[in-house]
Amino acid sequence: ERRRQIAMCYREELADIPGIRILNDMPNVQHAYPYFPIMVDVTIYGESRDGLYERLKEENIFSRRYFYPLISNFPTYRGLPSSGVENLPVANAVAEKALCLPIYADLELSDVRRICKLIARIS
């Protein structure tokens, strides 16, 4: 329940930030909220997922690049024809945009709001 509250706070605070997309919960599914992924669209947001990741890290906020690195980029698979970027456009696009924000039961809502202000670039 606490993770759900945190997720709802993130949803509310991030809802109107251009270039930040929040994944919707699936209806009729009870979510555990182990992660809170957002998608960062560099062309709209003006900063890449990696740029946001580094900026949050500078503030001692440790997010996680999700689907990074993409398994098709591992040395074992990199040379396979099926691992080519042209064969995995959706996977590569998601791997460049997905960022998981901190979520754990003891995370204070004031900290969630601070994280969201940093994402919104509000001082």
PDB file of N, CA and C in Angstrom:
ATOM      1  N   GLU A   1       0.832  -1.201   0.000  1.00  0.00           N
ATOM      2  CA  GLU A   1       0.000   0.000   0.000  1.00  0.00           C
ATOM      3  C   GLU A   1       0.874   1.260   0.000  1.00  0.00           C
ATOM      4  N   ARG A   2       1.964   1.211   0.744  1.00  0.00           N
ATOM      5  CA  ARG A   2       2.840   2.388   0.800  1.00  0.00           C
ATOM      6  C   ARG A   2       3.464   2.671  -0.563  1.00  0.00           C
ATOM      7  N   ARG A   3       3.901   1.639  -1.252  1.00  0.00           N
ATOM      8  CA  ARG A   3       4.470   1.829  -2.593  1.00  0.00           C
ATOM      9  C   ARG A   3       3.420   2.399  -3.548  1.00  0.00           C
ATOM     10  N   ARG A   4       2.174   1.978  -3.405  1.00  0.00           N
ATOM     11  CA  ARG A   4       1.101   2.502  -4.250  1.00  0.00           C
ATOM     12  C   ARG A   4       0.942   4.003  -3.993  1.00  0.00           C
ATOM     13  N   GLN A   5       0.995   4.411  -2.734  1.00  0.00           N
ATOM     14  CA  GLN A   5       0.883   5.829  -2.396  1.00  0.00           C
ATOM     15  C   GLN A   5       2.020   6.636  -3.026  1.00  0.00           C
ATOM     16  N   ILE A   6       3.212   6.076  -2.971  1.00  0.00           N
ATOM     17  CA  ILE A   6       4.371   6.746  -3.567  1.00  0.00           C
ATOM     18  C   ILE A   6       4.199   6.848  -5.079  1.00  0.00           C
ATOM     19  N   ALA A   7       3.765   5.765  -5.688  1.00  0.00           N
ATOM     20  CA  ALA A   7       3.537   5.769  -7.136  1.00  0.00           C
ATOM     21  C   ALA A   7       2.486   6.805  -7.517  1.00  0.00           C
ATOM     22  N   MET A   8       1.419   6.910  -6.745  1.00  0.00           N
ATOM     23  CA  MET A   8       0.375   7.895  -7.031  1.00  0.00           C
ATOM     24  C   MET A   8       0.911   9.314  -6.895  1.00  0.00           C
ATOM     25  N   CYS A   9       1.774   9.536  -5.926  1.00  0.00           N
ATOM     26  CA  CYS A   9       2.400  10.845  -5.764  1.00  0.00           C
ATOM     27  C   CYS A   9       3.270  11.169  -6.980  1.00  0.00           C
ATOM     28  N   TYR A  10       4.091  10.220  -7.413  1.00  0.00           N
ATOM     29  CA  TYR A  10       4.890  10.418  -8.628  1.00  0.00           C
ATOM     30  C   TYR A  10       3.976  10.756  -9.798  1.00  0.00           C
ATOM     31  N   ARG A  11       2.909   9.990  -9.971  1.00  0.00           N
ATOM     32  CA  ARG A  11       1.986  10.211 -11.093  1.00  0.00           C
ATOM     33  C   ARG A  11       1.425  11.635 -11.083  1.00  0.00           C
ATOM     34  N   GLU A  12       1.009  12.066  -9.913  1.00  0.00           N
ATOM     35  CA  GLU A  12       0.430  13.403  -9.787  1.00  0.00           C
ATOM     36  C   GLU A  12       1.468  14.486 -10.081  1.00  0.00           C
ATOM     37  N   GLU A  13       2.649  14.342  -9.519  1.00  0.00           N
ATOM     38  CA  GLU A  13       3.683  15.366  -9.646  1.00  0.00           C
ATOM     39  C   GLU A  13       4.311  15.424 -11.046  1.00  0.00           C
ATOM     40  N   LEU A  14       4.360  14.294 -11.736  1.00  0.00           N
ATOM     41  CA  LEU A  14       5.023  14.238 -13.046  1.00  0.00           C
ATOM     42  C   LEU A  14       4.060  14.359 -14.222  1.00  0.00           C
ATOM     43  N   ALA A  15       2.771  14.382 -13.949  1.00  0.00           N
ATOM     44  CA  ALA A  15       1.751  14.290 -15.002  1.00  0.00           C
ATOM     45  C   ALA A  15       1.881  15.343 -16.101  1.00  0.00           C
ATOM     46  N   ASP A  16       2.264  16.541 -15.769  1.00  0.00           N
ATOM     47  CA  ASP A  16       2.243  17.627 -16.748  1.00  0.00           C
ATOM     48  C   ASP A  16       3.616  18.063 -17.233  1.00  0.00           C
ATOM     49  N   ILE A  17       4.617  17.217 -17.057  1.00  0.00           N
ATOM     50  CA  ILE A  17       5.962  17.585 -17.506  1.00  0.00           C
ATOM     51  C   ILE A  17       6.147  17.100 -18.945  1.00  0.00           C
ATOM     52  N   PRO A  18       6.282  18.041 -19.880  1.00  0.00           N
ATOM     53  CA  PRO A  18       6.463  17.650 -21.286  1.00  0.00           C
ATOM     54  C   PRO A  18       7.717  16.789 -21.466  1.00  0.00           C
ATOM     55  N   GLY A  19       7.563  15.700 -22.179  1.00  0.00           N
ATOM     56  CA  GLY A  19       8.682  14.813 -22.465  1.00  0.00           C
ATOM     57  C   GLY A  19       8.898  13.727 -21.439  1.00  0.00           C
ATOM     58  N   ILE A  20       8.117  13.727 -20.362  1.00  0.00           N
ATOM     59  CA  ILE A  20       8.184  12.664 -19.359  1.00  0.00           C
ATOM     60  C   ILE A  20       6.876  11.884 -19.461  1.00  0.00           C
ATOM     61  N   ARG A  21       6.993  10.621 -19.800  1.00  0.00           N
ATOM     62  CA  ARG A  21       5.801   9.781 -19.930  1.00  0.00           C
ATOM     63  C   ARG A  21       5.794   8.752 -18.814  1.00  0.00           C
ATOM     64  N   ILE A  22       4.646   8.603 -18.216  1.00  0.00           N
ATOM     65  CA  ILE A  22       4.445   7.639 -17.138  1.00  0.00           C
ATOM     66  C   ILE A  22       3.644   6.482 -17.701  1.00  0.00           C
ATOM     67  N   LEU A  23       4.070   5.270 -17.396  1.00  0.00           N
ATOM     68  CA  LEU A  23       3.333   4.097 -17.867  1.00  0.00           C
ATOM     69  C   LEU A  23       2.079   3.930 -17.021  1.00  0.00           C
ATOM     70  N   ASN A  24       0.981   3.626 -17.685  1.00  0.00           N
ATOM     71  CA  ASN A  24      -0.290   3.436 -16.985  1.00  0.00           C
ATOM     72  C   ASN A  24      -0.342   2.070 -16.327  1.00  0.00           C
ATOM     73  N   ASP A  25      -1.028   2.022 -15.193  1.00  0.00           N
ATOM     74  CA  ASP A  25      -1.305   0.728 -14.571  1.00  0.00           C
ATOM     75  C   ASP A  25      -2.307  -0.018 -15.438  1.00  0.00           C
ATOM     76  N   MET A  26      -2.179  -1.309 -15.468  1.00  0.00           N
ATOM     77  CA  MET A  26      -3.130  -2.133 -16.212  1.00  0.00           C
ATOM     78  C   MET A  26      -4.389  -2.309 -15.375  1.00  0.00           C
ATOM     79  N   PRO A  27      -5.549  -2.169 -15.997  1.00  0.00           N
ATOM     80  CA  PRO A  27      -6.787  -2.346 -15.232  1.00  0.00           C
ATOM     81  C   PRO A  27      -6.943  -3.796 -14.756  1.00  0.00           C
ATOM     82  N   ASN A  28      -7.610  -3.942 -13.634  1.00  0.00           N
ATOM     83  CA  ASN A  28      -7.891  -5.253 -13.053  1.00  0.00           C
ATOM     84  C   ASN A  28      -6.630  -6.028 -12.654  1.00  0.00           C
ATOM     85  N   VAL A  29      -5.541  -5.302 -12.407  1.00  0.00           N
ATOM     86  CA  VAL A  29      -4.284  -5.918 -11.973  1.00  0.00           C
ATOM     87  C   VAL A  29      -3.880  -5.276 -10.658  1.00  0.00           C
ATOM     88  N   GLN A  30      -3.553  -6.077  -9.679  1.00  0.00           N
ATOM     89  CA  GLN A  30      -3.059  -5.548  -8.414  1.00  0.00           C
ATOM     90  C   GLN A  30      -1.540  -5.427  -8.523  1.00  0.00           C
ATOM     91  N   HIS A  31      -1.061  -4.220  -8.574  1.00  0.00           N
ATOM     92  CA  HIS A  31       0.364  -3.959  -8.776  1.00  0.00           C
ATOM     93  C   HIS A  31       1.118  -3.944  -7.451  1.00  0.00           C
ATOM     94  N   ALA A  32       2.359  -4.423  -7.489  1.00  0.00           N
ATOM     95  CA  ALA A  32       3.227  -4.408  -6.311  1.00  0.00           C
ATOM     96  C   ALA A  32       4.136  -3.180  -6.310  1.00  0.00           C
ATOM     97  N   TYR A  33       4.256  -2.502  -7.452  1.00  0.00           N
ATOM     98  CA  TYR A  33       5.096  -1.315  -7.598  1.00  0.00           C
ATOM     99  C   TYR A  33       6.546  -1.550  -7.171  1.00  0.00           C
ATOM    100  N   PRO A  34       7.186  -2.592  -7.726  1.00  0.00           N
ATOM    101  CA  PRO A  34       8.600  -2.795  -7.397  1.00  0.00           C
ATOM    102  C   PRO A  34       9.498  -1.746  -8.056  1.00  0.00           C
ATOM    103  N   TYR A  35       9.010  -1.147  -9.153  1.00  0.00           N
ATOM    104  CA  TYR A  35       9.758  -0.130  -9.896  1.00  0.00           C
ATOM    105  C   TYR A  35       8.787   0.988 -10.244  1.00  0.00           C
ATOM    106  N   PHE A  36       9.335   2.172 -10.495  1.00  0.00           N
ATOM    107  CA  PHE A  36       8.519   3.249 -11.041  1.00  0.00           C
ATOM    108  C   PHE A  36       9.244   3.791 -12.262  1.00  0.00           C
ATOM    109  N   PRO A  37       8.986   3.190 -13.430  1.00  0.00           N
ATOM    110  CA  PRO A  37       9.666   3.635 -14.646  1.00  0.00           C
ATOM    111  C   PRO A  37       8.984   4.849 -15.275  1.00  0.00           C
ATOM    112  N   ILE A  38       9.803   5.728 -15.806  1.00  0.00           N
ATOM    113  CA  ILE A  38       9.322   6.821 -16.640  1.00  0.00           C
ATOM    114  C   ILE A  38      10.055   6.716 -17.969  1.00  0.00           C
ATOM    115  N   MET A  39       9.488   7.323 -18.991  1.00  0.00           N
ATOM    116  CA  MET A  39      10.127   7.379 -20.298  1.00  0.00           C
ATOM    117  C   MET A  39      10.502   8.832 -20.556  1.00  0.00           C
ATOM    118  N   VAL A  40      11.753   9.065 -20.913  1.00  0.00           N
ATOM    119  CA  VAL A  40      12.263  10.414 -21.143  1.00  0.00           C
ATOM    120  C   VAL A  40      12.451  10.609 -22.648  1.00  0.00           C
ATOM    121  N   ASP A  41      11.665  11.513 -23.216  1.00  0.00           N
ATOM    122  CA  ASP A  41      11.773  11.821 -24.649  1.00  0.00           C
ATOM    123  C   ASP A  41      12.664  13.054 -24.797  1.00  0.00           C
ATOM    124  N   VAL A  42      13.887  12.826 -25.236  1.00  0.00           N
ATOM    125  CA  VAL A  42      14.883  13.893 -25.307  1.00  0.00           C
ATOM    126  C   VAL A  42      14.423  15.041 -26.198  1.00  0.00           C
ATOM    127  N   THR A  43      13.682  14.752 -27.273  1.00  0.00           N
ATOM    128  CA  THR A  43      13.272  15.817 -28.196  1.00  0.00           C
ATOM    129  C   THR A  43      12.244  16.753 -27.566  1.00  0.00           C
ATOM    130  N   ILE A  44      11.441  16.260 -26.650  1.00  0.00           N
ATOM    131  CA  ILE A  44      10.439  17.094 -25.986  1.00  0.00           C
ATOM    132  C   ILE A  44      10.961  17.617 -24.651  1.00  0.00           C
ATOM    133  N   TYR A  45      11.566  16.742 -23.866  1.00  0.00           N
ATOM    134  CA  TYR A  45      12.054  17.116 -22.533  1.00  0.00           C
ATOM    135  C   TYR A  45      13.277  18.029 -22.611  1.00  0.00           C
ATOM    136  N   GLY A  46      14.100  17.820 -23.636  1.00  0.00           N
ATOM    137  CA  GLY A  46      15.285  18.654 -23.805  1.00  0.00           C
ATOM    138  C   GLY A  46      16.530  18.120 -23.138  1.00  0.00           C
ATOM    139  N   GLU A  47      16.414  16.956 -22.535  1.00  0.00           N
ATOM    140  CA  GLU A  47      17.547  16.301 -21.883  1.00  0.00           C
ATOM    141  C   GLU A  47      17.344  14.799 -22.049  1.00  0.00           C
ATOM    142  N   SER A  48      18.424  14.091 -22.258  1.00  0.00           N
ATOM    143  CA  SER A  48      18.322  12.643 -22.434  1.00  0.00           C
ATOM    144  C   SER A  48      18.058  11.946 -21.108  1.00  0.00           C
ATOM    145  N   ARG A  49      17.671  10.703 -21.202  1.00  0.00           N
ATOM    146  CA  ARG A  49      17.512   9.874 -20.006  1.00  0.00           C
ATOM    147  C   ARG A  49      18.812   9.841 -19.223  1.00  0.00           C
ATOM    148  N   ASP A  50      19.926   9.671 -19.927  1.00  0.00           N
ATOM    149  CA  ASP A  50      21.225   9.614 -19.249  1.00  0.00           C
ATOM    150  C   ASP A  50      21.593  10.948 -18.606  1.00  0.00           C
ATOM    151  N   GLY A  51      21.224  12.049 -19.255  1.00  0.00           N
ATOM    152  CA  GLY A  51      21.466  13.365 -18.671  1.00  0.00           C
ATOM    153  C   GLY A  51      20.676  13.553 -17.388  1.00  0.00           C
ATOM    154  N   LEU A  52      19.417  13.134 -17.406  1.00  0.00           N
ATOM    155  CA  LEU A  52      18.583  13.215 -16.208  1.00  0.00           C
ATOM    156  C   LEU A  52      19.128  12.300 -15.121  1.00  0.00           C
ATOM    157  N   TYR A  53      19.532  11.109 -15.501  1.00  0.00           N
ATOM    158  CA  TYR A  53      20.130  10.148 -14.560  1.00  0.00           C
ATOM    159  C   TYR A  53      21.324  10.787 -13.839  1.00  0.00           C
ATOM    160  N   GLU A  54      22.203  11.426 -14.592  1.00  0.00           N
ATOM    161  CA  GLU A  54      23.398  12.055 -14.005  1.00  0.00           C
ATOM    162  C   GLU A  54      23.028  13.249 -13.138  1.00  0.00           C
ATOM    163  N   ARG A  55      22.071  14.040 -13.575  1.00  0.00           N
ATOM    164  CA  ARG A  55      21.658  15.211 -12.804  1.00  0.00           C
ATOM    165  C   ARG A  55      21.043  14.790 -11.471  1.00  0.00           C
ATOM    166  N   LEU A  56      20.224  13.740 -11.489  1.00  0.00           N
ATOM    167  CA  LEU A  56      19.660  13.230 -10.234  1.00  0.00           C
ATOM    168  C   LEU A  56      20.761  12.684  -9.326  1.00  0.00           C
ATOM    169  N   LYS A  57      21.719  11.986  -9.931  1.00  0.00           N
ATOM    170  CA  LYS A  57      22.829  11.418  -9.156  1.00  0.00           C
ATOM    171  C   LYS A  57      23.625  12.516  -8.459  1.00  0.00           C
ATOM    172  N   GLU A  58      23.798  13.651  -9.113  1.00  0.00           N
ATOM    173  CA  GLU A  58      24.499  14.778  -8.494  1.00  0.00           C
ATOM    174  C   GLU A  58      23.785  15.270  -7.237  1.00  0.00           C
ATOM    175  N   GLU A  59      22.500  15.003  -7.153  1.00  0.00           N
ATOM    176  CA  GLU A  59      21.696  15.396  -5.990  1.00  0.00           C
ATOM    177  C   GLU A  59      21.504  14.225  -5.018  1.00  0.00           C
ATOM    178  N   ASN A  60      22.315  13.177  -5.181  1.00  0.00           N
ATOM    179  CA  ASN A  60      22.231  11.964  -4.350  1.00  0.00           C
ATOM    180  C   ASN A  60      20.892  11.247  -4.473  1.00  0.00           C
ATOM    181  N   ILE A  61      20.322  11.293  -5.668  1.00  0.00           N
ATOM    182  CA  ILE A  61      19.101  10.555  -5.984  1.00  0.00           C
ATOM    183  C   ILE A  61      19.509   9.492  -6.984  1.00  0.00           C
ATOM    184  N   PHE A  62      19.348   8.247  -6.586  1.00  0.00           N
ATOM    185  CA  PHE A  62      19.867   7.153  -7.386  1.00  0.00           C
ATOM    186  C   PHE A  62      18.743   6.424  -8.097  1.00  0.00           C
ATOM    187  N   SER A  63      18.581   6.798  -9.351  1.00  0.00           N
ATOM    188  CA  SER A  63      17.616   6.149 -10.225  1.00  0.00           C
ATOM    189  C   SER A  63      18.329   4.991 -10.920  1.00  0.00           C
ATOM    190  N   ARG A  64      17.617   4.326 -11.805  1.00  0.00           N
ATOM    191  CA  ARG A  64      18.219   3.188 -12.494  1.00  0.00           C
ATOM    192  C   ARG A  64      17.810   3.208 -13.961  1.00  0.00           C
ATOM    193  N   ARG A  65      18.800   3.119 -14.821  1.00  0.00           N
ATOM    194  CA  ARG A  65      18.501   3.017 -16.249  1.00  0.00           C
ATOM    195  C   ARG A  65      17.964   1.611 -16.484  1.00  0.00           C
ATOM    196  N   TYR A  66      16.756   1.548 -16.973  1.00  0.00           N
ATOM    197  CA  TYR A  66      16.070   0.267 -17.140  1.00  0.00           C
ATOM    198  C   TYR A  66      16.347  -0.279 -18.537  1.00  0.00           C
ATOM    199  N   PHE A  67      16.464  -1.585 -18.659  1.00  0.00           N
ATOM    200  CA  PHE A  67      16.799  -2.249 -19.926  1.00  0.00           C
ATOM    201  C   PHE A  67      18.130  -1.736 -20.458  1.00  0.00           C
ATOM    202  N   TYR A  68      19.066  -1.453 -19.549  1.00  0.00           N
ATOM    203  CA  TYR A  68      20.351  -0.902 -19.938  1.00  0.00           C
ATOM    204  C   TYR A  68      21.454  -1.672 -19.238  1.00  0.00           C
ATOM    205  N   PRO A  69      22.411  -2.155 -19.984  1.00  0.00           N
ATOM    206  CA  PRO A  69      22.431  -2.146 -21.440  1.00  0.00           C
ATOM    207  C   PRO A  69      21.483  -3.202 -21.998  1.00  0.00           C
ATOM    208  N   LEU A  70      21.031  -2.964 -23.180  1.00  0.00           N
ATOM    209  CA  LEU A  70      20.159  -3.910 -23.860  1.00  0.00           C
ATOM    210  C   LEU A  70      20.948  -5.192 -24.115  1.00  0.00           C
ATOM    211  N   ILE A  71      20.360  -6.323 -23.858  1.00  0.00           N
ATOM    212  CA  ILE A  71      21.087  -7.601 -23.948  1.00  0.00           C
ATOM    213  C   ILE A  71      21.673  -7.832 -25.347  1.00  0.00           C
ATOM    214  N   SER A  72      21.019  -7.303 -26.372  1.00  0.00           N
ATOM    215  CA  SER A  72      21.543  -7.469 -27.734  1.00  0.00           C
ATOM    216  C   SER A  72      22.856  -6.724 -27.939  1.00  0.00           C
ATOM    217  N   ASN A  73      23.219  -5.847 -27.013  1.00  0.00           N
ATOM    218  CA  ASN A  73      24.498  -5.130 -27.089  1.00  0.00           C
ATOM    219  C   ASN A  73      25.618  -5.836 -26.333  1.00  0.00           C
ATOM    220  N   PHE A  74      25.300  -6.921 -25.623  1.00  0.00           N
ATOM    221  CA  PHE A  74      26.333  -7.687 -24.931  1.00  0.00           C
ATOM    222  C   PHE A  74      27.255  -8.320 -25.976  1.00  0.00           C
ATOM    223  N   PRO A  75      28.535  -8.448 -25.671  1.00  0.00           N
ATOM    224  CA  PRO A  75      29.477  -9.029 -26.634  1.00  0.00           C
ATOM    225  C   PRO A  75      29.022 -10.381 -27.194  1.00  0.00           C
ATOM    226  N   THR A  76      28.382 -11.193 -26.384  1.00  0.00           N
ATOM    227  CA  THR A  76      27.940 -12.514 -26.825  1.00  0.00           C
ATOM    228  C   THR A  76      26.947 -12.433 -27.975  1.00  0.00           C
ATOM    229  N   TYR A  77      26.115 -11.412 -27.964  1.00  0.00           N
ATOM    230  CA  TYR A  77      25.027 -11.301 -28.946  1.00  0.00           C
ATOM    231  C   TYR A  77      25.249 -10.214 -29.989  1.00  0.00           C
ATOM    232  N   ARG A  78      26.126  -9.274 -29.717  1.00  0.00           N
ATOM    233  CA  ARG A  78      26.323  -8.096 -30.563  1.00  0.00           C
ATOM    234  C   ARG A  78      26.526  -8.431 -32.041  1.00  0.00           C
ATOM    235  N   GLY A  79      27.233  -9.489 -32.346  1.00  0.00           N
ATOM    236  CA  GLY A  79      27.543  -9.826 -33.734  1.00  0.00           C
ATOM    237  C   GLY A  79      26.448 -10.588 -34.474  1.00  0.00           C
ATOM    238  N   LEU A  80      25.433 -10.996 -33.790  1.00  0.00           N
ATOM    239  CA  LEU A  80      24.349 -11.745 -34.431  1.00  0.00           C
ATOM    240  C   LEU A  80      23.496 -10.825 -35.304  1.00  0.00           C
ATOM    241  N   PRO A  81      23.114 -11.307 -36.477  1.00  0.00           N
ATOM    242  CA  PRO A  81      22.252 -10.485 -37.343  1.00  0.00           C
ATOM    243  C   PRO A  81      20.960 -10.052 -36.650  1.00  0.00           C
ATOM    244  N   SER A  82      20.406 -10.905 -35.821  1.00  0.00           N
ATOM    245  CA  SER A  82      19.153 -10.575 -35.135  1.00  0.00           C
ATOM    246  C   SER A  82      19.319  -9.466 -34.098  1.00  0.00           C
ATOM    247  N   SER A  83      20.551  -9.140 -33.717  1.00  0.00           N
ATOM    248  CA  SER A  83      20.801  -8.104 -32.718  1.00  0.00           C
ATOM    249  C   SER A  83      20.951  -6.714 -33.317  1.00  0.00           C
ATOM    250  N   GLY A  84      20.858  -6.619 -34.629  1.00  0.00           N
ATOM    251  CA  GLY A  84      21.001  -5.319 -35.277  1.00  0.00           C
ATOM    252  C   GLY A  84      19.925  -4.345 -34.832  1.00  0.00           C
ATOM    253  N   VAL A  85      20.297  -3.075 -34.726  1.00  0.00           N
ATOM    254  CA  VAL A  85      19.367  -2.033 -34.295  1.00  0.00           C
ATOM    255  C   VAL A  85      18.116  -2.024 -35.169  1.00  0.00           C
ATOM    256  N   GLU A  86      18.284  -2.258 -36.454  1.00  0.00           N
ATOM    257  CA  GLU A  86      17.148  -2.248 -37.377  1.00  0.00           C
ATOM    258  C   GLU A  86      16.167  -3.384 -37.091  1.00  0.00           C
ATOM    259  N   ASN A  87      16.628  -4.436 -36.435  1.00  0.00           N
ATOM    260  CA  ASN A  87      15.758  -5.561 -36.095  1.00  0.00           C
ATOM    261  C   ASN A  87      15.076  -5.396 -34.737  1.00  0.00           C
ATOM    262  N   LEU A  88      15.538  -4.456 -33.948  1.00  0.00           N
ATOM    263  CA  LEU A  88      15.003  -4.261 -32.598  1.00  0.00           C
ATOM    264  C   LEU A  88      14.689  -2.790 -32.336  1.00  0.00           C
ATOM    265  N   PRO A  89      13.916  -2.142 -33.207  1.00  0.00           N
ATOM    266  CA  PRO A  89      13.702  -0.695 -33.037  1.00  0.00           C
ATOM    267  C   PRO A  89      12.978  -0.329 -31.747  1.00  0.00           C
ATOM    268  N   VAL A  90      11.991  -1.103 -31.352  1.00  0.00           N
ATOM    269  CA  VAL A  90      11.239  -0.782 -30.135  1.00  0.00           C
ATOM    270  C   VAL A  90      12.118  -1.001 -28.904  1.00  0.00           C
ATOM    271  N   ALA A  91      12.805  -2.127 -28.859  1.00  0.00           N
ATOM    272  CA  ALA A  91      13.678  -2.418 -27.715  1.00  0.00           C
ATOM    273  C   ALA A  91      14.755  -1.350 -27.570  1.00  0.00           C
ATOM    274  N   ASN A  92      15.357  -0.938 -28.667  1.00  0.00           N
ATOM    275  CA  ASN A  92      16.394   0.088 -28.606  1.00  0.00           C
ATOM    276  C   ASN A  92      15.830   1.442 -28.181  1.00  0.00           C
ATOM    277  N   ALA A  93      14.648   1.787 -28.656  1.00  0.00           N
ATOM    278  CA  ALA A  93      14.022   3.053 -28.274  1.00  0.00           C
ATOM    279  C   ALA A  93      13.715   3.068 -26.779  1.00  0.00           C
ATOM    280  N   VAL A  94      13.166   1.972 -26.268  1.00  0.00           N
ATOM    281  CA  VAL A  94      12.844   1.891 -24.839  1.00  0.00           C
ATOM    282  C   VAL A  94      14.126   1.914 -24.013  1.00  0.00           C
ATOM    283  N   ALA A  95      15.145   1.217 -24.466  1.00  0.00           N
ATOM    284  CA  ALA A  95      16.409   1.160 -23.726  1.00  0.00           C
ATOM    285  C   ALA A  95      17.064   2.539 -23.611  1.00  0.00           C
ATOM    286  N   GLU A  96      16.780   3.431 -24.541  1.00  0.00           N
ATOM    287  CA  GLU A  96      17.348   4.783 -24.499  1.00  0.00           C
ATOM    288  C   GLU A  96      16.527   5.745 -23.652  1.00  0.00           C
ATOM    289  N   LYS A  97      15.267   5.387 -23.353  1.00  0.00           N
ATOM    290  CA  LYS A  97      14.358   6.323 -22.691  1.00  0.00           C
ATOM    291  C   LYS A  97      13.968   5.942 -21.269  1.00  0.00           C
ATOM    292  N   ALA A  98      14.043   4.667 -20.902  1.00  0.00           N
ATOM    293  CA  ALA A  98      13.486   4.207 -19.632  1.00  0.00           C
ATOM    294  C   ALA A  98      14.401   4.528 -18.447  1.00  0.00           C
ATOM    295  N   LEU A  99      13.790   5.084 -17.409  1.00  0.00           N
ATOM    296  CA  LEU A  99      14.503   5.406 -16.178  1.00  0.00           C
ATOM    297  C   LEU A  99      13.581   5.060 -15.012  1.00  0.00           C
ATOM    298  N   CYS A 100      14.079   4.267 -14.073  1.00  0.00           N
ATOM    299  CA  CYS A 100      13.299   3.905 -12.889  1.00  0.00           C
ATOM    300  C   CYS A 100      13.666   4.844 -11.748  1.00  0.00           C
ATOM    301  N   LEU A 101      12.649   5.481 -11.208  1.00  0.00           N
ATOM    302  CA  LEU A 101      12.840   6.394 -10.087  1.00  0.00           C
ATOM    303  C   LEU A 101      12.825   5.617  -8.783  1.00  0.00           C
ATOM    304  N   PRO A 102      13.432   6.179  -7.744  1.00  0.00           N
ATOM    305  CA  PRO A 102      13.445   5.477  -6.456  1.00  0.00           C
ATOM    306  C   PRO A 102      12.024   5.213  -5.957  1.00  0.00           C
ATOM    307  N   ILE A 103      11.804   4.003  -5.465  1.00  0.00           N
ATOM    308  CA  ILE A 103      10.533   3.665  -4.825  1.00  0.00           C
ATOM    309  C   ILE A 103      10.802   2.563  -3.809  1.00  0.00           C
ATOM    310  N   TYR A 104      10.507   2.874  -2.569  1.00  0.00           N
ATOM    311  CA  TYR A 104      10.640   1.913  -1.471  1.00  0.00           C
ATOM    312  C   TYR A 104       9.742   2.405  -0.346  1.00  0.00           C
ATOM    313  N   ALA A 105       9.341   1.513   0.509  1.00  0.00           N
ATOM    314  CA  ALA A 105       8.315   1.807   1.513  1.00  0.00           C
ATOM    315  C   ALA A 105       8.659   2.978   2.425  1.00  0.00           C
ATOM    316  N   ASP A 106       9.923   3.199   2.731  1.00  0.00           N
ATOM    317  CA  ASP A 106      10.307   4.273   3.645  1.00  0.00           C
ATOM    318  C   ASP A 106      10.559   5.611   2.942  1.00  0.00           C
ATOM    319  N   LEU A 107      10.361   5.654   1.631  1.00  0.00           N
ATOM    320  CA  LEU A 107      10.569   6.902   0.892  1.00  0.00           C
ATOM    321  C   LEU A 107       9.475   7.899   1.286  1.00  0.00           C
ATOM    322  N   GLU A 108       9.882   9.040   1.761  1.00  0.00           N
ATOM    323  CA  GLU A 108       8.932  10.065   2.192  1.00  0.00           C
ATOM    324  C   GLU A 108       8.328  10.773   0.980  1.00  0.00           C
ATOM    325  N   LEU A 109       7.060  11.133   1.074  1.00  0.00           N
ATOM    326  CA  LEU A 109       6.405  11.840  -0.026  1.00  0.00           C
ATOM    327  C   LEU A 109       7.065  13.187  -0.282  1.00  0.00           C
ATOM    328  N   SER A 110       7.635  13.790   0.738  1.00  0.00           N
ATOM    329  CA  SER A 110       8.370  15.049   0.543  1.00  0.00           C
ATOM    330  C   SER A 110       9.590  14.808  -0.346  1.00  0.00           C
ATOM    331  N   ASP A 111      10.224  13.645  -0.212  1.00  0.00           N
ATOM    332  CA  ASP A 111      11.357  13.310  -1.082  1.00  0.00           C
ATOM    333  C   ASP A 111      10.890  13.038  -2.508  1.00  0.00           C
ATOM    334  N   VAL A 112       9.742  12.399  -2.652  1.00  0.00           N
ATOM    335  CA  VAL A 112       9.172  12.171  -3.988  1.00  0.00           C
ATOM    336  C   VAL A 112       8.927  13.522  -4.656  1.00  0.00           C
ATOM    337  N   ARG A 113       8.359  14.452  -3.922  1.00  0.00           N
ATOM    338  CA  ARG A 113       8.082  15.776  -4.488  1.00  0.00           C
ATOM    339  C   ARG A 113       9.375  16.505  -4.850  1.00  0.00           C
ATOM    340  N   ARG A 114      10.406  16.339  -4.042  1.00  0.00           N
ATOM    341  CA  ARG A 114      11.714  16.956  -4.345  1.00  0.00           C
ATOM    342  C   ARG A 114      12.301  16.365  -5.623  1.00  0.00           C
ATOM    343  N   ILE A 115      12.200  15.047  -5.776  1.00  0.00           N
ATOM    344  CA  ILE A 115      12.667  14.378  -6.989  1.00  0.00           C
ATOM    345  C   ILE A 115      11.917  14.923  -8.199  1.00  0.00           C
ATOM    346  N   CYS A 116      10.610  15.054  -8.057  1.00  0.00           N
ATOM    347  CA  CYS A 116       9.784  15.530  -9.166  1.00  0.00           C
ATOM    348  C   CYS A 116      10.086  16.980  -9.509  1.00  0.00           C
ATOM    349  N   LYS A 117      10.388  17.794  -8.507  1.00  0.00           N
ATOM    350  CA  LYS A 117      10.776  19.182  -8.786  1.00  0.00           C
ATOM    351  C   LYS A 117      12.077  19.229  -9.563  1.00  0.00           C
ATOM    352  N   LEU A 118      13.001  18.355  -9.213  1.00  0.00           N
ATOM    353  CA  LEU A 118      14.260  18.311  -9.961  1.00  0.00           C
ATOM    354  C   LEU A 118      14.014  17.877 -11.407  1.00  0.00           C
ATOM    355  N   ILE A 119      13.131  16.908 -11.581  1.00  0.00           N
ATOM    356  CA  ILE A 119      12.806  16.455 -12.932  1.00  0.00           C
ATOM    357  C   ILE A 119      12.128  17.591 -13.707  1.00  0.00           C
ATOM    358  N   ALA A 120      11.240  18.321 -13.024  1.00  0.00           N
ATOM    359  CA  ALA A 120      10.536  19.441 -13.661  1.00  0.00           C
ATOM    360  C   ALA A 120      11.422  20.674 -13.802  1.00  0.00           C
ATOM    361  N   ARG A 121      12.605  20.619 -13.190  1.00  0.00           N
ATOM    362  CA  ARG A 121      13.570  21.721 -13.202  1.00  0.00           C
ATOM    363  C   ARG A 121      13.019  22.959 -12.521  1.00  0.00           C
ATOM    364  N   ILE A 122      12.304  22.714 -11.425  1.00  0.00           N
ATOM    365  CA  ILE A 122      11.760  23.804 -10.618  1.00  0.00           C
ATOM    366  C   ILE A 122      12.638  23.930  -9.376  1.00  0.00           C
ATOM    367  N   SER A 123      13.110  25.123  -9.100  1.00  0.00           N
ATOM    368  CA  SER A 123      13.952  25.302  -7.907  1.00  0.00           C
ATOM    369  C   SER A 123      13.146  25.850  -6.761  1.00  0.00           C
TER     370      SER A 123
END
